[in-house]
N, C-alpha and C. Protein backbone atom coordinates (compact mmCIF):
# COMPACT_ATOMS: atom_id res chain seq x y z
N MET A 1 -0.89 -126.38 -59.00
CA MET A 1 -0.92 -126.08 -57.59
C MET A 1 0.50 -126.15 -57.02
N THR A 2 0.84 -125.20 -56.22
CA THR A 2 2.16 -125.12 -55.62
C THR A 2 2.30 -126.13 -54.50
N GLN A 3 3.43 -126.83 -54.50
CA GLN A 3 3.70 -127.79 -53.43
C GLN A 3 4.80 -127.22 -52.55
N TYR A 4 4.51 -127.12 -51.28
CA TYR A 4 5.46 -126.57 -50.33
C TYR A 4 6.21 -127.69 -49.63
N GLN A 5 7.44 -127.42 -49.27
CA GLN A 5 8.25 -128.39 -48.55
C GLN A 5 7.77 -128.45 -47.10
N LYS A 6 7.64 -129.67 -46.58
CA LYS A 6 7.22 -129.83 -45.19
C LYS A 6 8.38 -129.46 -44.27
N PRO A 7 8.10 -128.75 -43.20
CA PRO A 7 9.19 -128.41 -42.27
C PRO A 7 9.66 -129.66 -41.52
N PRO A 8 10.93 -129.71 -41.17
CA PRO A 8 11.44 -130.85 -40.40
C PRO A 8 10.88 -130.82 -38.98
N PRO A 9 11.07 -131.91 -38.24
CA PRO A 9 10.58 -131.93 -36.86
C PRO A 9 11.25 -130.86 -36.01
N PRO A 10 10.61 -130.46 -34.91
CA PRO A 10 11.18 -129.41 -34.06
C PRO A 10 12.58 -129.76 -33.56
N GLY A 11 13.37 -128.73 -33.40
CA GLY A 11 14.75 -128.91 -32.93
C GLY A 11 15.69 -128.05 -33.76
N ILE A 12 16.95 -128.44 -33.75
CA ILE A 12 17.98 -127.66 -34.44
C ILE A 12 17.79 -127.71 -35.95
N ARG A 13 17.31 -128.85 -36.45
CA ARG A 13 17.09 -128.97 -37.90
C ARG A 13 16.03 -127.97 -38.37
N ARG A 14 14.99 -127.77 -37.57
CA ARG A 14 13.95 -126.82 -37.97
C ARG A 14 14.47 -125.39 -37.92
N ILE A 15 15.30 -125.08 -36.94
CA ILE A 15 15.87 -123.73 -36.84
C ILE A 15 16.76 -123.46 -38.05
N LEU A 16 17.64 -124.42 -38.39
CA LEU A 16 18.51 -124.25 -39.56
C LEU A 16 17.70 -124.17 -40.85
N TRP A 17 16.64 -124.94 -40.94
CA TRP A 17 15.77 -124.90 -42.11
C TRP A 17 15.11 -123.53 -42.24
N ALA A 18 14.64 -122.98 -41.12
CA ALA A 18 13.99 -121.67 -41.14
C ALA A 18 14.98 -120.57 -41.52
N VAL A 19 16.20 -120.65 -41.01
CA VAL A 19 17.22 -119.65 -41.35
C VAL A 19 17.55 -119.73 -42.83
N ARG A 20 17.73 -120.95 -43.36
CA ARG A 20 18.02 -121.12 -44.78
C ARG A 20 16.88 -120.60 -45.64
N LEU A 21 15.66 -120.90 -45.24
CA LEU A 21 14.49 -120.45 -45.99
C LEU A 21 14.40 -118.92 -46.00
N LYS A 22 14.62 -118.30 -44.86
CA LYS A 22 14.58 -116.83 -44.79
C LYS A 22 15.69 -116.21 -45.62
N PHE A 23 16.91 -116.80 -45.57
CA PHE A 23 18.03 -116.28 -46.34
C PHE A 23 17.76 -116.39 -47.84
N GLU A 24 17.27 -117.53 -48.25
CA GLU A 24 16.98 -117.72 -49.68
C GLU A 24 15.87 -116.80 -50.16
N ALA A 25 14.86 -116.58 -49.32
CA ALA A 25 13.76 -115.69 -49.72
C ALA A 25 14.22 -114.23 -49.75
N MET A 26 15.06 -113.85 -48.80
CA MET A 26 15.52 -112.47 -48.72
C MET A 26 16.46 -112.11 -49.87
N THR A 27 17.27 -113.06 -50.31
CA THR A 27 18.23 -112.78 -51.37
C THR A 27 17.76 -113.27 -52.74
N ALA A 28 16.57 -113.78 -52.83
CA ALA A 28 15.97 -114.29 -54.07
C ALA A 28 16.73 -115.49 -54.63
N ILE A 29 17.47 -116.19 -53.80
CA ILE A 29 18.15 -117.41 -54.24
C ILE A 29 17.14 -118.54 -54.41
N ALA A 30 16.01 -118.45 -53.75
CA ALA A 30 14.99 -119.49 -53.86
C ALA A 30 14.47 -119.63 -55.28
N MET A 31 14.59 -118.58 -56.09
CA MET A 31 14.09 -118.63 -57.46
C MET A 31 15.09 -119.26 -58.43
N LEU A 32 16.31 -119.49 -58.00
CA LEU A 32 17.33 -120.03 -58.88
C LEU A 32 17.23 -121.55 -58.98
N GLU A 33 17.83 -122.07 -60.05
CA GLU A 33 17.91 -123.52 -60.18
C GLU A 33 19.03 -124.03 -59.28
N THR A 34 19.10 -125.36 -59.16
CA THR A 34 20.05 -125.96 -58.24
C THR A 34 21.50 -125.61 -58.60
N TRP A 35 21.87 -125.69 -59.86
CA TRP A 35 23.25 -125.41 -60.25
C TRP A 35 23.57 -123.93 -60.05
N GLU A 36 22.57 -123.05 -60.21
CA GLU A 36 22.79 -121.63 -59.97
C GLU A 36 22.98 -121.34 -58.48
N LYS A 37 22.19 -122.04 -57.66
CA LYS A 37 22.36 -121.90 -56.20
C LYS A 37 23.76 -122.35 -55.79
N LEU A 38 24.21 -123.47 -56.35
CA LEU A 38 25.53 -123.98 -56.04
C LEU A 38 26.60 -122.97 -56.43
N LEU A 39 26.47 -122.36 -57.58
CA LEU A 39 27.43 -121.35 -58.03
C LEU A 39 27.43 -120.13 -57.11
N VAL A 40 26.26 -119.65 -56.73
CA VAL A 40 26.16 -118.48 -55.83
C VAL A 40 26.76 -118.81 -54.47
N TYR A 41 26.44 -120.00 -53.94
CA TYR A 41 26.97 -120.38 -52.63
C TYR A 41 28.49 -120.56 -52.67
N CYS A 42 29.03 -121.10 -53.75
CA CYS A 42 30.49 -121.25 -53.87
C CYS A 42 31.18 -119.89 -53.94
N LEU A 43 30.60 -118.97 -54.69
CA LEU A 43 31.17 -117.61 -54.74
C LEU A 43 31.10 -116.92 -53.38
N LEU A 44 29.98 -117.07 -52.70
CA LEU A 44 29.82 -116.47 -51.38
C LEU A 44 30.81 -117.08 -50.39
N PHE A 45 30.97 -118.39 -50.43
CA PHE A 45 31.93 -119.06 -49.55
C PHE A 45 33.35 -118.60 -49.85
N GLY A 46 33.69 -118.47 -51.13
CA GLY A 46 35.02 -117.99 -51.51
C GLY A 46 35.29 -116.58 -51.02
N LEU A 47 34.30 -115.70 -51.14
CA LEU A 47 34.47 -114.32 -50.66
C LEU A 47 34.63 -114.27 -49.15
N ILE A 48 33.87 -115.08 -48.44
CA ILE A 48 33.98 -115.12 -46.98
C ILE A 48 35.35 -115.64 -46.57
N CYS A 49 35.84 -116.68 -47.26
CA CYS A 49 37.18 -117.21 -46.96
C CYS A 49 38.26 -116.17 -47.23
N LEU A 50 38.15 -115.44 -48.34
CA LEU A 50 39.13 -114.40 -48.64
C LEU A 50 39.10 -113.29 -47.59
N PHE A 51 37.91 -112.93 -47.15
CA PHE A 51 37.80 -111.89 -46.11
C PHE A 51 38.50 -112.35 -44.84
N TRP A 52 38.21 -113.57 -44.35
CA TRP A 52 38.80 -114.03 -43.10
C TRP A 52 40.31 -114.23 -43.24
N TRP A 53 40.77 -114.72 -44.40
CA TRP A 53 42.20 -114.89 -44.59
C TRP A 53 42.91 -113.53 -44.53
N SER A 54 42.36 -112.54 -45.22
CA SER A 54 43.00 -111.22 -45.20
C SER A 54 42.92 -110.60 -43.81
N PHE A 55 41.82 -110.79 -43.12
CA PHE A 55 41.68 -110.26 -41.77
C PHE A 55 42.71 -110.88 -40.83
N LEU A 56 42.87 -112.20 -40.87
CA LEU A 56 43.81 -112.88 -39.99
C LEU A 56 45.26 -112.65 -40.42
N HIS A 57 45.47 -112.39 -41.69
CA HIS A 57 46.83 -112.18 -42.20
C HIS A 57 47.33 -110.77 -41.90
N TYR A 58 46.48 -109.77 -42.05
CA TYR A 58 46.92 -108.37 -41.92
C TYR A 58 46.63 -107.75 -40.56
N SER A 59 45.77 -108.35 -39.76
CA SER A 59 45.42 -107.75 -38.46
C SER A 59 46.60 -107.62 -37.49
N PRO A 60 47.44 -108.64 -37.32
CA PRO A 60 48.53 -108.48 -36.35
C PRO A 60 49.45 -107.29 -36.65
N SER A 61 49.82 -107.11 -37.91
CA SER A 61 50.69 -105.98 -38.22
C SER A 61 49.95 -104.65 -38.06
N HIS A 62 48.66 -104.65 -38.36
CA HIS A 62 47.89 -103.42 -38.20
C HIS A 62 47.71 -103.09 -36.71
N TYR A 63 47.51 -104.10 -35.88
CA TYR A 63 47.40 -103.86 -34.44
C TYR A 63 48.72 -103.34 -33.87
N ALA A 64 49.84 -103.85 -34.38
CA ALA A 64 51.14 -103.33 -33.93
C ALA A 64 51.28 -101.86 -34.32
N TYR A 65 50.87 -101.52 -35.53
CA TYR A 65 50.91 -100.12 -35.98
C TYR A 65 50.01 -99.26 -35.10
N LEU A 66 48.79 -99.73 -34.82
CA LEU A 66 47.88 -98.96 -33.97
C LEU A 66 48.44 -98.81 -32.55
N SER A 67 49.12 -99.83 -32.06
CA SER A 67 49.72 -99.76 -30.73
C SER A 67 50.80 -98.69 -30.68
N ARG A 68 51.64 -98.63 -31.72
CA ARG A 68 52.68 -97.59 -31.76
C ARG A 68 52.07 -96.20 -31.86
N ARG A 69 51.04 -96.03 -32.67
CA ARG A 69 50.40 -94.72 -32.81
C ARG A 69 49.73 -94.32 -31.49
N CYS A 70 49.12 -95.27 -30.82
CA CYS A 70 48.49 -94.99 -29.52
C CYS A 70 49.54 -94.54 -28.51
N ALA A 71 50.70 -95.23 -28.50
CA ALA A 71 51.79 -94.83 -27.59
C ALA A 71 52.27 -93.43 -27.92
N TYR A 72 52.33 -93.10 -29.20
CA TYR A 72 52.78 -91.77 -29.60
C TYR A 72 51.81 -90.70 -29.10
N TYR A 73 50.52 -90.93 -29.27
CA TYR A 73 49.54 -89.92 -28.86
C TYR A 73 49.42 -89.81 -27.35
N ILE A 74 49.64 -90.90 -26.63
CA ILE A 74 49.50 -90.86 -25.17
C ILE A 74 50.79 -90.38 -24.50
N TRP A 75 51.95 -90.99 -24.88
CA TRP A 75 53.20 -90.69 -24.20
C TRP A 75 54.17 -89.86 -25.03
N GLY A 76 53.87 -89.64 -26.29
CA GLY A 76 54.74 -88.82 -27.13
C GLY A 76 55.94 -89.55 -27.70
N ASP A 77 55.96 -90.87 -27.58
CA ASP A 77 57.10 -91.65 -28.08
C ASP A 77 56.58 -92.99 -28.58
N GLU A 78 56.90 -93.31 -29.85
CA GLU A 78 56.40 -94.57 -30.41
C GLU A 78 57.14 -95.79 -29.88
N SER A 79 58.29 -95.61 -29.30
CA SER A 79 59.06 -96.76 -28.84
C SER A 79 58.53 -97.34 -27.54
N LEU A 80 57.68 -96.62 -26.81
CA LEU A 80 57.11 -97.13 -25.57
C LEU A 80 56.01 -98.13 -25.88
N SER A 81 55.90 -99.12 -25.04
CA SER A 81 54.86 -100.13 -25.22
C SER A 81 53.65 -99.76 -24.36
N PRO A 82 52.49 -99.55 -24.97
CA PRO A 82 51.31 -99.17 -24.19
C PRO A 82 50.90 -100.23 -23.19
N GLY A 83 51.13 -101.50 -23.52
CA GLY A 83 50.72 -102.57 -22.61
C GLY A 83 51.45 -102.51 -21.29
N HIS A 84 52.78 -102.39 -21.33
CA HIS A 84 53.55 -102.34 -20.10
C HIS A 84 53.28 -101.07 -19.31
N GLU A 85 53.18 -99.95 -19.99
CA GLU A 85 52.90 -98.69 -19.31
C GLU A 85 51.55 -98.71 -18.62
N MET A 86 50.54 -99.23 -19.33
CA MET A 86 49.20 -99.27 -18.73
C MET A 86 49.15 -100.22 -17.55
N ARG A 87 49.79 -101.41 -17.68
CA ARG A 87 49.80 -102.35 -16.56
C ARG A 87 50.51 -101.74 -15.35
N THR A 88 51.59 -101.03 -15.58
CA THR A 88 52.31 -100.39 -14.48
C THR A 88 51.44 -99.32 -13.82
N TRP A 89 50.80 -98.50 -14.62
CA TRP A 89 49.95 -97.44 -14.08
C TRP A 89 48.78 -98.03 -13.30
N ILE A 90 48.14 -99.06 -13.85
CA ILE A 90 47.00 -99.68 -13.17
C ILE A 90 47.45 -100.31 -11.86
N TRP A 91 48.58 -101.02 -11.89
CA TRP A 91 49.06 -101.67 -10.67
C TRP A 91 49.42 -100.64 -9.60
N ASN A 92 50.09 -99.56 -9.99
CA ASN A 92 50.53 -98.57 -9.02
C ASN A 92 49.39 -97.71 -8.49
N HIS A 93 48.41 -97.38 -9.34
CA HIS A 93 47.37 -96.47 -8.91
C HIS A 93 46.11 -97.16 -8.42
N LEU A 94 45.76 -98.27 -9.01
CA LEU A 94 44.52 -98.94 -8.63
C LEU A 94 44.76 -100.18 -7.78
N GLY A 95 45.92 -100.79 -7.94
CA GLY A 95 46.22 -102.01 -7.19
C GLY A 95 46.74 -101.74 -5.80
N GLY A 96 47.15 -100.52 -5.54
CA GLY A 96 47.63 -100.16 -4.22
C GLY A 96 49.02 -100.71 -3.92
N ALA A 97 49.83 -100.94 -4.94
CA ALA A 97 51.18 -101.47 -4.70
C ALA A 97 52.06 -100.36 -4.16
N THR A 98 52.72 -100.64 -3.05
CA THR A 98 53.62 -99.66 -2.45
C THR A 98 54.88 -100.38 -1.98
N GLY A 99 55.92 -99.63 -1.79
CA GLY A 99 57.15 -100.18 -1.21
C GLY A 99 57.85 -101.15 -2.12
N ARG A 100 58.43 -102.21 -1.54
CA ARG A 100 59.24 -103.19 -2.27
C ARG A 100 58.42 -103.95 -3.30
N ALA A 101 57.15 -104.18 -3.07
CA ALA A 101 56.31 -104.95 -4.00
C ALA A 101 56.10 -104.21 -5.31
N ALA A 102 56.15 -102.89 -5.31
CA ALA A 102 55.90 -102.11 -6.52
C ALA A 102 57.13 -102.00 -7.41
N GLU A 103 58.33 -102.26 -6.87
CA GLU A 103 59.54 -102.08 -7.67
C GLU A 103 59.60 -102.98 -8.90
N PRO A 104 59.34 -104.30 -8.80
CA PRO A 104 59.40 -105.12 -10.01
C PRO A 104 58.38 -104.71 -11.06
N VAL A 105 57.19 -104.32 -10.63
CA VAL A 105 56.15 -103.92 -11.58
C VAL A 105 56.54 -102.62 -12.27
N ALA A 106 57.09 -101.68 -11.55
CA ALA A 106 57.50 -100.41 -12.15
C ALA A 106 58.68 -100.63 -13.10
N ALA A 107 59.53 -101.59 -12.80
CA ALA A 107 60.69 -101.85 -13.65
C ALA A 107 60.30 -102.53 -14.95
N VAL A 108 59.21 -103.28 -14.96
CA VAL A 108 58.77 -103.98 -16.17
C VAL A 108 58.45 -102.97 -17.25
N GLY A 109 57.79 -101.87 -16.90
CA GLY A 109 57.46 -100.84 -17.89
C GLY A 109 58.69 -100.18 -18.48
N LYS A 110 59.81 -100.20 -17.77
CA LYS A 110 61.03 -99.57 -18.26
C LYS A 110 61.94 -100.58 -18.97
N GLY A 111 61.53 -101.85 -19.02
CA GLY A 111 62.33 -102.87 -19.70
C GLY A 111 63.50 -103.38 -18.88
N VAL A 112 63.46 -103.22 -17.57
CA VAL A 112 64.54 -103.66 -16.70
C VAL A 112 64.24 -105.07 -16.23
N LYS A 113 65.22 -105.96 -16.28
CA LYS A 113 65.04 -107.32 -15.80
C LYS A 113 65.47 -107.39 -14.33
N ILE A 114 64.58 -107.89 -13.50
CA ILE A 114 64.86 -107.99 -12.07
C ILE A 114 64.86 -109.44 -11.65
N ASP A 115 65.89 -109.86 -10.93
CA ASP A 115 65.95 -111.21 -10.39
C ASP A 115 65.35 -111.19 -9.00
N LEU A 116 64.35 -112.02 -8.79
CA LEU A 116 63.71 -112.07 -7.48
C LEU A 116 64.25 -113.23 -6.67
């Protein structure tokens, strides 16, 4: 006769137990022995760590590359910074900046330092 594990009392432990049970049933890990489960979980953890390390290691340089390409397609020049140009455009067109107040914001997009 098959003996089933009793569920833990209601709360977070039961939710985690249900998630683990569903994951093991869906991936057929429930049929493995304990040492096999440990091996599969260690490999899965290692792959997840490698994915996050590579994502965090290579993303900043890739975002810089995408930023330059975006500036090229929008303004025709890779040396322009999309962040400053967009902030200037938003401030001037949507923020309603006019007169003396708009000068420092417009100068930021051009890389000019203004002493206030």
